[in-house]
């Protein structure tokens, strides 16, 4: 019983952190361009494998794409993108899909410590991610199996759409530097 309570507590702690990252990315994107309308769809089940943020062309509304937000406090230090193949849940003895099984258009990887967001073309990442090195991490209640894909290769394959440095001011998050 204690194991289940710890697992639930960890889940809600992780969810709070994820929501914090999603809110920052959404706020930064809204202050980056007026060409798109950005909407949080993270709580809608039909978008679970599409992404957390929907971007809709502001002029005609014909072009739309989805970004999935991933919190990664170490990406600025390690210069690796974590590509999850699958996750093993110890309590239930079952496997879940990793993020590489999803249909995102883009990943928005946020490092809150570095105040930086990496926008990655997900289709290009899916094509090349197995060129990274194998990664397994035991988190206690679950084990993540995946690949660490170097940012240097992401740049080489033109999958980095933007790197946005941001700052917090006046109660919001604003871009201070955008590299494309």
C-alpha atoms as a PDB file:
ATOM      1  CA  UNK A   1       0.000   0.000   0.000  1.00  0.00           C
ATOM      2  CA  UNK A   2       2.814   2.423   0.850  1.00  0.00           C
ATOM      3  CA  UNK A   3       4.358   1.780  -2.592  1.00  0.00           C
ATOM      4  CA  UNK A   4       1.115   2.819  -4.294  1.00  0.00           C
ATOM      5  CA  UNK A   5       0.888   6.007  -2.205  1.00  0.00           C
ATOM      6  CA  UNK A   6       4.484   6.938  -3.086  1.00  0.00           C
ATOM      7  CA  UNK A   7       3.813   6.225  -6.769  1.00  0.00           C
ATOM      8  CA  UNK A   8       0.686   8.436  -6.739  1.00  0.00           C
ATOM      9  CA  UNK A   9       2.562  11.193  -4.894  1.00  0.00           C
ATOM     10  CA  UNK A  10       5.414  11.059  -7.444  1.00  0.00           C
ATOM     11  CA  UNK A  11       2.926  11.108 -10.320  1.00  0.00           C
ATOM     12  CA  UNK A  12       1.242  14.281  -9.057  1.00  0.00           C
ATOM     13  CA  UNK A  13       4.594  15.926  -8.347  1.00  0.00           C
ATOM     14  CA  UNK A  14       5.755  15.127 -11.899  1.00  0.00           C
ATOM     15  CA  UNK A  15       2.426  16.345 -13.293  1.00  0.00           C
ATOM     16  CA  UNK A  16       2.758  19.678 -11.442  1.00  0.00           C
ATOM     17  CA  UNK A  17       6.266  20.131 -12.894  1.00  0.00           C
ATOM     18  CA  UNK A  18       5.050  19.232 -16.394  1.00  0.00           C
ATOM     19  CA  UNK A  19       2.184  21.724 -16.120  1.00  0.00           C
ATOM     20  CA  UNK A  20       4.654  24.400 -15.020  1.00  0.00           C
ATOM     21  CA  UNK A  21       6.798  23.737 -18.109  1.00  0.00           C
ATOM     22  CA  UNK A  22       3.766  23.715 -20.412  1.00  0.00           C
ATOM     23  CA  UNK A  23       2.592  27.069 -19.009  1.00  0.00           C
ATOM     24  CA  UNK A  24       6.020  28.661 -19.510  1.00  0.00           C
ATOM     25  CA  UNK A  25       6.367  27.389 -23.090  1.00  0.00           C
ATOM     26  CA  UNK A  26       2.825  28.505 -23.956  1.00  0.00           C
ATOM     27  CA  UNK A  27       3.469  31.969 -22.495  1.00  0.00           C
ATOM     28  CA  UNK A  28       6.814  32.346 -24.301  1.00  0.00           C
ATOM     29  CA  UNK A  29       5.336  31.230 -27.637  1.00  0.00           C
ATOM     30  CA  UNK A  30       2.465  33.696 -27.304  1.00  0.00           C
ATOM     31  CA  UNK A  31       5.040  36.490 -26.849  1.00  0.00           C
ATOM     32  CA  UNK A  32       7.248  35.237 -29.705  1.00  0.00           C
ATOM     33  CA  UNK A  33       4.946  35.598 -32.709  1.00  0.00           C
ATOM     34  CA  UNK A  34       1.494  36.878 -33.628  1.00  0.00           C
ATOM     35  CA  UNK A  35       1.385  34.616 -36.704  1.00  0.00           C
ATOM     36  CA  UNK A  36      -0.094  31.737 -34.688  1.00  0.00           C
ATOM     37  CA  UNK A  37      -2.679  31.322 -31.976  1.00  0.00           C
ATOM     38  CA  UNK A  38      -1.334  28.932 -29.319  1.00  0.00           C
ATOM     39  CA  UNK A  39      -3.775  26.915 -27.213  1.00  0.00           C
ATOM     40  CA  UNK A  40      -3.180  24.523 -24.302  1.00  0.00           C
ATOM     41  CA  UNK A  41      -4.747  21.149 -25.219  1.00  0.00           C
ATOM     42  CA  UNK A  42      -2.793  19.083 -22.685  1.00  0.00           C
ATOM     43  CA  UNK A  43      -5.863  18.151 -20.627  1.00  0.00           C
ATOM     44  CA  UNK A  44      -7.832  16.876 -23.614  1.00  0.00           C
ATOM     45  CA  UNK A  45      -7.473  13.124 -24.024  1.00  0.00           C
ATOM     46  CA  UNK A  46      -7.792  13.197 -27.845  1.00  0.00           C
ATOM     47  CA  UNK A  47      -4.534  15.175 -28.033  1.00  0.00           C
ATOM     48  CA  UNK A  48      -2.513  12.910 -25.699  1.00  0.00           C
ATOM     49  CA  UNK A  49      -0.309  11.534 -28.504  1.00  0.00           C
ATOM     50  CA  UNK A  50      -0.497  14.736 -30.608  1.00  0.00           C
ATOM     51  CA  UNK A  51       0.919  17.255 -28.154  1.00  0.00           C
ATOM     52  CA  UNK A  52       0.298  19.701 -25.329  1.00  0.00           C
ATOM     53  CA  UNK A  53       0.019  22.908 -27.370  1.00  0.00           C
ATOM     54  CA  UNK A  54      -1.935  23.481 -30.565  1.00  0.00           C
ATOM     55  CA  UNK A  55      -0.695  26.191 -32.950  1.00  0.00           C
ATOM     56  CA  UNK A  56      -3.194  27.575 -35.450  1.00  0.00           C
ATOM     57  CA  UNK A  57      -2.308  29.978 -38.267  1.00  0.00           C
ATOM     58  CA  UNK A  58      -3.693  33.367 -37.249  1.00  0.00           C
ATOM     59  CA  UNK A  59      -4.333  34.627 -40.783  1.00  0.00           C
ATOM     60  CA  UNK A  60      -6.494  31.959 -42.424  1.00  0.00           C
ATOM     61  CA  UNK A  61      -6.597  29.213 -39.835  1.00  0.00           C
ATOM     62  CA  UNK A  62      -5.554  26.623 -42.404  1.00  0.00           C
ATOM     63  CA  UNK A  63      -2.198  25.615 -40.985  1.00  0.00           C
ATOM     64  CA  UNK A  64      -2.027  23.907 -37.621  1.00  0.00           C
ATOM     65  CA  UNK A  65       0.579  21.911 -35.765  1.00  0.00           C
ATOM     66  CA  UNK A  66       1.148  20.486 -32.308  1.00  0.00           C
ATOM     67  CA  UNK A  67       4.016  20.774 -29.856  1.00  0.00           C
ATOM     68  CA  UNK A  68       4.622  18.392 -26.999  1.00  0.00           C
ATOM     69  CA  UNK A  69       6.382  19.947 -24.013  1.00  0.00           C
ATOM     70  CA  UNK A  70       9.093  17.977 -22.229  1.00  0.00           C
ATOM     71  CA  UNK A  71      10.807  19.175 -19.075  1.00  0.00           C
ATOM     72  CA  UNK A  72      14.527  18.432 -19.124  1.00  0.00           C
ATOM     73  CA  UNK A  73      16.569  20.366 -16.604  1.00  0.00           C
ATOM     74  CA  UNK A  74      19.808  18.808 -17.881  1.00  0.00           C
ATOM     75  CA  UNK A  75      19.561  19.277 -21.670  1.00  0.00           C
ATOM     76  CA  UNK A  76      21.605  22.499 -21.524  1.00  0.00           C
ATOM     77  CA  UNK A  77      24.363  20.616 -19.631  1.00  0.00           C
ATOM     78  CA  UNK A  78      24.332  17.205 -21.322  1.00  0.00           C
ATOM     79  CA  UNK A  79      23.396  18.424 -24.822  1.00  0.00           C
ATOM     80  CA  UNK A  80      21.281  15.284 -25.304  1.00  0.00           C
ATOM     81  CA  UNK A  81      17.626  14.745 -26.157  1.00  0.00           C
ATOM     82  CA  UNK A  82      16.007  11.890 -24.238  1.00  0.00           C
ATOM     83  CA  UNK A  83      14.030   9.740 -26.700  1.00  0.00           C
ATOM     84  CA  UNK A  84      11.869   7.280 -24.745  1.00  0.00           C
ATOM     85  CA  UNK A  85      11.165   3.892 -26.369  1.00  0.00           C
ATOM     86  CA  UNK A  86       9.056   2.519 -23.538  1.00  0.00           C
ATOM     87  CA  UNK A  87       8.448   2.760 -19.805  1.00  0.00           C
ATOM     88  CA  UNK A  88       8.129  -0.226 -17.458  1.00  0.00           C
ATOM     89  CA  UNK A  89       5.813   0.280 -14.470  1.00  0.00           C
ATOM     90  CA  UNK A  90       7.020  -1.955 -11.642  1.00  0.00           C
ATOM     91  CA  UNK A  91       3.839  -1.921  -9.562  1.00  0.00           C
ATOM     92  CA  UNK A  92       1.617  -3.219 -12.376  1.00  0.00           C
ATOM     93  CA  UNK A  93       4.319  -5.119 -14.281  1.00  0.00           C
ATOM     94  CA  UNK A  94       3.248  -3.439 -17.526  1.00  0.00           C
ATOM     95  CA  UNK A  95       4.934  -1.422 -20.259  1.00  0.00           C
ATOM     96  CA  UNK A  96       3.749   1.931 -21.535  1.00  0.00           C
ATOM     97  CA  UNK A  97       4.560   3.782 -24.719  1.00  0.00           C
ATOM     98  CA  UNK A  98       7.515   6.126 -24.753  1.00  0.00           C
ATOM     99  CA  UNK A  99       7.332   9.518 -26.416  1.00  0.00           C
ATOM    100  CA  UNK A 100       8.851   8.137 -29.631  1.00  0.00           C
ATOM    101  CA  UNK A 101       5.581   6.242 -30.214  1.00  0.00           C
ATOM    102  CA  UNK A 102       3.647   9.525 -30.491  1.00  0.00           C
ATOM    103  CA  UNK A 103       2.616  11.673 -33.458  1.00  0.00           C
ATOM    104  CA  UNK A 104       3.865  15.093 -32.372  1.00  0.00           C
ATOM    105  CA  UNK A 105       4.851  17.653 -34.979  1.00  0.00           C
ATOM    106  CA  UNK A 106       7.408  19.271 -32.676  1.00  0.00           C
ATOM    107  CA  UNK A 107       8.963  18.763 -29.276  1.00  0.00           C
ATOM    108  CA  UNK A 108       9.399  21.828 -27.100  1.00  0.00           C
ATOM    109  CA  UNK A 109      12.086  20.779 -24.629  1.00  0.00           C
ATOM    110  CA  UNK A 110      12.356  23.235 -21.764  1.00  0.00           C
ATOM    111  CA  UNK A 111      15.215  23.655 -19.336  1.00  0.00           C
ATOM    112  CA  UNK A 112      13.833  25.824 -16.544  1.00  0.00           C
ATOM    113  CA  UNK A 113      17.283  26.103 -14.930  1.00  0.00           C
ATOM    114  CA  UNK A 114      18.875  27.397 -18.158  1.00  0.00           C
ATOM    115  CA  UNK A 115      15.718  29.368 -19.128  1.00  0.00           C
ATOM    116  CA  UNK A 116      15.913  27.874 -22.601  1.00  0.00           C
ATOM    117  CA  UNK A 117      13.433  26.119 -24.905  1.00  0.00           C
ATOM    118  CA  UNK A 118      14.528  23.875 -27.777  1.00  0.00           C
ATOM    119  CA  UNK A 119      11.977  23.412 -30.585  1.00  0.00           C
ATOM    120  CA  UNK A 120      12.730  20.101 -32.342  1.00  0.00           C
ATOM    121  CA  UNK A 121      11.157  18.738 -35.563  1.00  0.00           C
ATOM    122  CA  UNK A 122       9.743  15.451 -34.272  1.00  0.00           C
ATOM    123  CA  UNK A 123       9.491  13.674 -37.661  1.00  0.00           C
ATOM    124  CA  UNK A 124      13.208  14.262 -38.270  1.00  0.00           C
ATOM    125  CA  UNK A 125      14.035  13.142 -34.727  1.00  0.00           C
ATOM    126  CA  UNK A 126      12.044   9.913 -35.212  1.00  0.00           C
ATOM    127  CA  UNK A 127      14.015   9.250 -38.388  1.00  0.00           C
ATOM    128  CA  UNK A 128      17.444   9.562 -36.710  1.00  0.00           C
ATOM    129  CA  UNK A 129      17.072   9.052 -32.941  1.00  0.00           C
ATOM    130  CA  UNK A 130      18.430   5.489 -32.975  1.00  0.00           C
ATOM    131  CA  UNK A 131      21.824   6.966 -33.895  1.00  0.00           C
ATOM    132  CA  UNK A 132      22.116   8.042 -30.253  1.00  0.00           C
ATOM    133  CA  UNK A 133      23.345   5.911 -27.378  1.00  0.00           C
ATOM    134  CA  UNK A 134      21.196   3.532 -25.370  1.00  0.00           C
ATOM    135  CA  UNK A 135      19.765   4.825 -22.094  1.00  0.00           C
ATOM    136  CA  UNK A 136      18.052   3.068 -19.186  1.00  0.00           C
ATOM    137  CA  UNK A 137      17.014   4.839 -15.999  1.00  0.00           C
ATOM    138  CA  UNK A 138      15.430   3.257 -12.930  1.00  0.00           C
ATOM    139  CA  UNK A 139      13.267   5.898 -11.235  1.00  0.00           C
ATOM    140  CA  UNK A 140      12.156   3.619  -8.402  1.00  0.00           C
ATOM    141  CA  UNK A 141       8.554   3.003  -9.419  1.00  0.00           C
ATOM    142  CA  UNK A 142       9.318   2.858 -13.150  1.00  0.00           C
ATOM    143  CA  UNK A 143      12.151   2.177 -15.575  1.00  0.00           C
ATOM    144  CA  UNK A 144      12.616   4.295 -18.698  1.00  0.00           C
ATOM    145  CA  UNK A 145      14.220   2.706 -21.762  1.00  0.00           C
ATOM    146  CA  UNK A 146      15.411   4.997 -24.500  1.00  0.00           C
ATOM    147  CA  UNK A 147      18.144   6.700 -26.457  1.00  0.00           C
ATOM    148  CA  UNK A 148      20.139   9.837 -25.751  1.00  0.00           C
ATOM    149  CA  UNK A 149      20.371  11.730 -29.029  1.00  0.00           C
ATOM    150  CA  UNK A 150      23.065  14.445 -29.209  1.00  0.00           C
ATOM    151  CA  UNK A 151      21.972  18.017 -29.902  1.00  0.00           C
ATOM    152  CA  UNK A 152      25.001  18.289 -32.200  1.00  0.00           C
ATOM    153  CA  UNK A 153      23.385  15.688 -34.486  1.00  0.00           C
ATOM    154  CA  UNK A 154      20.033  17.468 -34.193  1.00  0.00           C
ATOM    155  CA  UNK A 155      21.721  20.612 -35.551  1.00  0.00           C
ATOM    156  CA  UNK A 156      23.483  18.554 -38.251  1.00  0.00           C
ATOM    157  CA  UNK A 157      20.169  17.078 -39.459  1.00  0.00           C
ATOM    158  CA  UNK A 158      18.403  20.489 -39.333  1.00  0.00           C
ATOM    159  CA  UNK A 159      15.857  19.304 -36.789  1.00  0.00           C
ATOM    160  CA  UNK A 160      16.407  22.213 -34.378  1.00  0.00           C
ATOM    161  CA  UNK A 161      13.772  24.713 -35.483  1.00  0.00           C
ATOM    162  CA  UNK A 162      14.597  27.246 -32.777  1.00  0.00           C
ATOM    163  CA  UNK A 163      16.296  27.792 -29.445  1.00  0.00           C
ATOM    164  CA  UNK A 164      14.500  30.382 -27.353  1.00  0.00           C
ATOM    165  CA  UNK A 165      16.096  31.957 -24.291  1.00  0.00           C
ATOM    166  CA  UNK A 166      13.462  33.511 -22.052  1.00  0.00           C
ATOM    167  CA  UNK A 167      13.072  35.534 -18.890  1.00  0.00           C
ATOM    168  CA  UNK A 168      10.312  36.151 -16.395  1.00  0.00           C
ATOM    169  CA  UNK A 169       9.106  39.727 -15.994  1.00  0.00           C
ATOM    170  CA  UNK A 170       5.853  41.479 -15.145  1.00  0.00           C
ATOM    171  CA  UNK A 171       4.189  38.181 -14.259  1.00  0.00           C
ATOM    172  CA  UNK A 172       4.846  36.573 -17.667  1.00  0.00           C
ATOM    173  CA  UNK A 173       7.560  34.791 -19.632  1.00  0.00           C
ATOM    174  CA  UNK A 174       9.119  36.575 -22.577  1.00  0.00           C
ATOM    175  CA  UNK A 175      11.668  35.588 -25.218  1.00  0.00           C
ATOM    176  CA  UNK A 176      14.976  37.475 -24.984  1.00  0.00           C
ATOM    177  CA  UNK A 177      16.886  35.661 -27.736  1.00  0.00           C
ATOM    178  CA  UNK A 178      15.735  33.375 -30.567  1.00  0.00           C
ATOM    179  CA  UNK A 179      18.239  31.297 -32.540  1.00  0.00           C
ATOM    180  CA  UNK A 180      17.106  29.556 -35.708  1.00  0.00           C
END
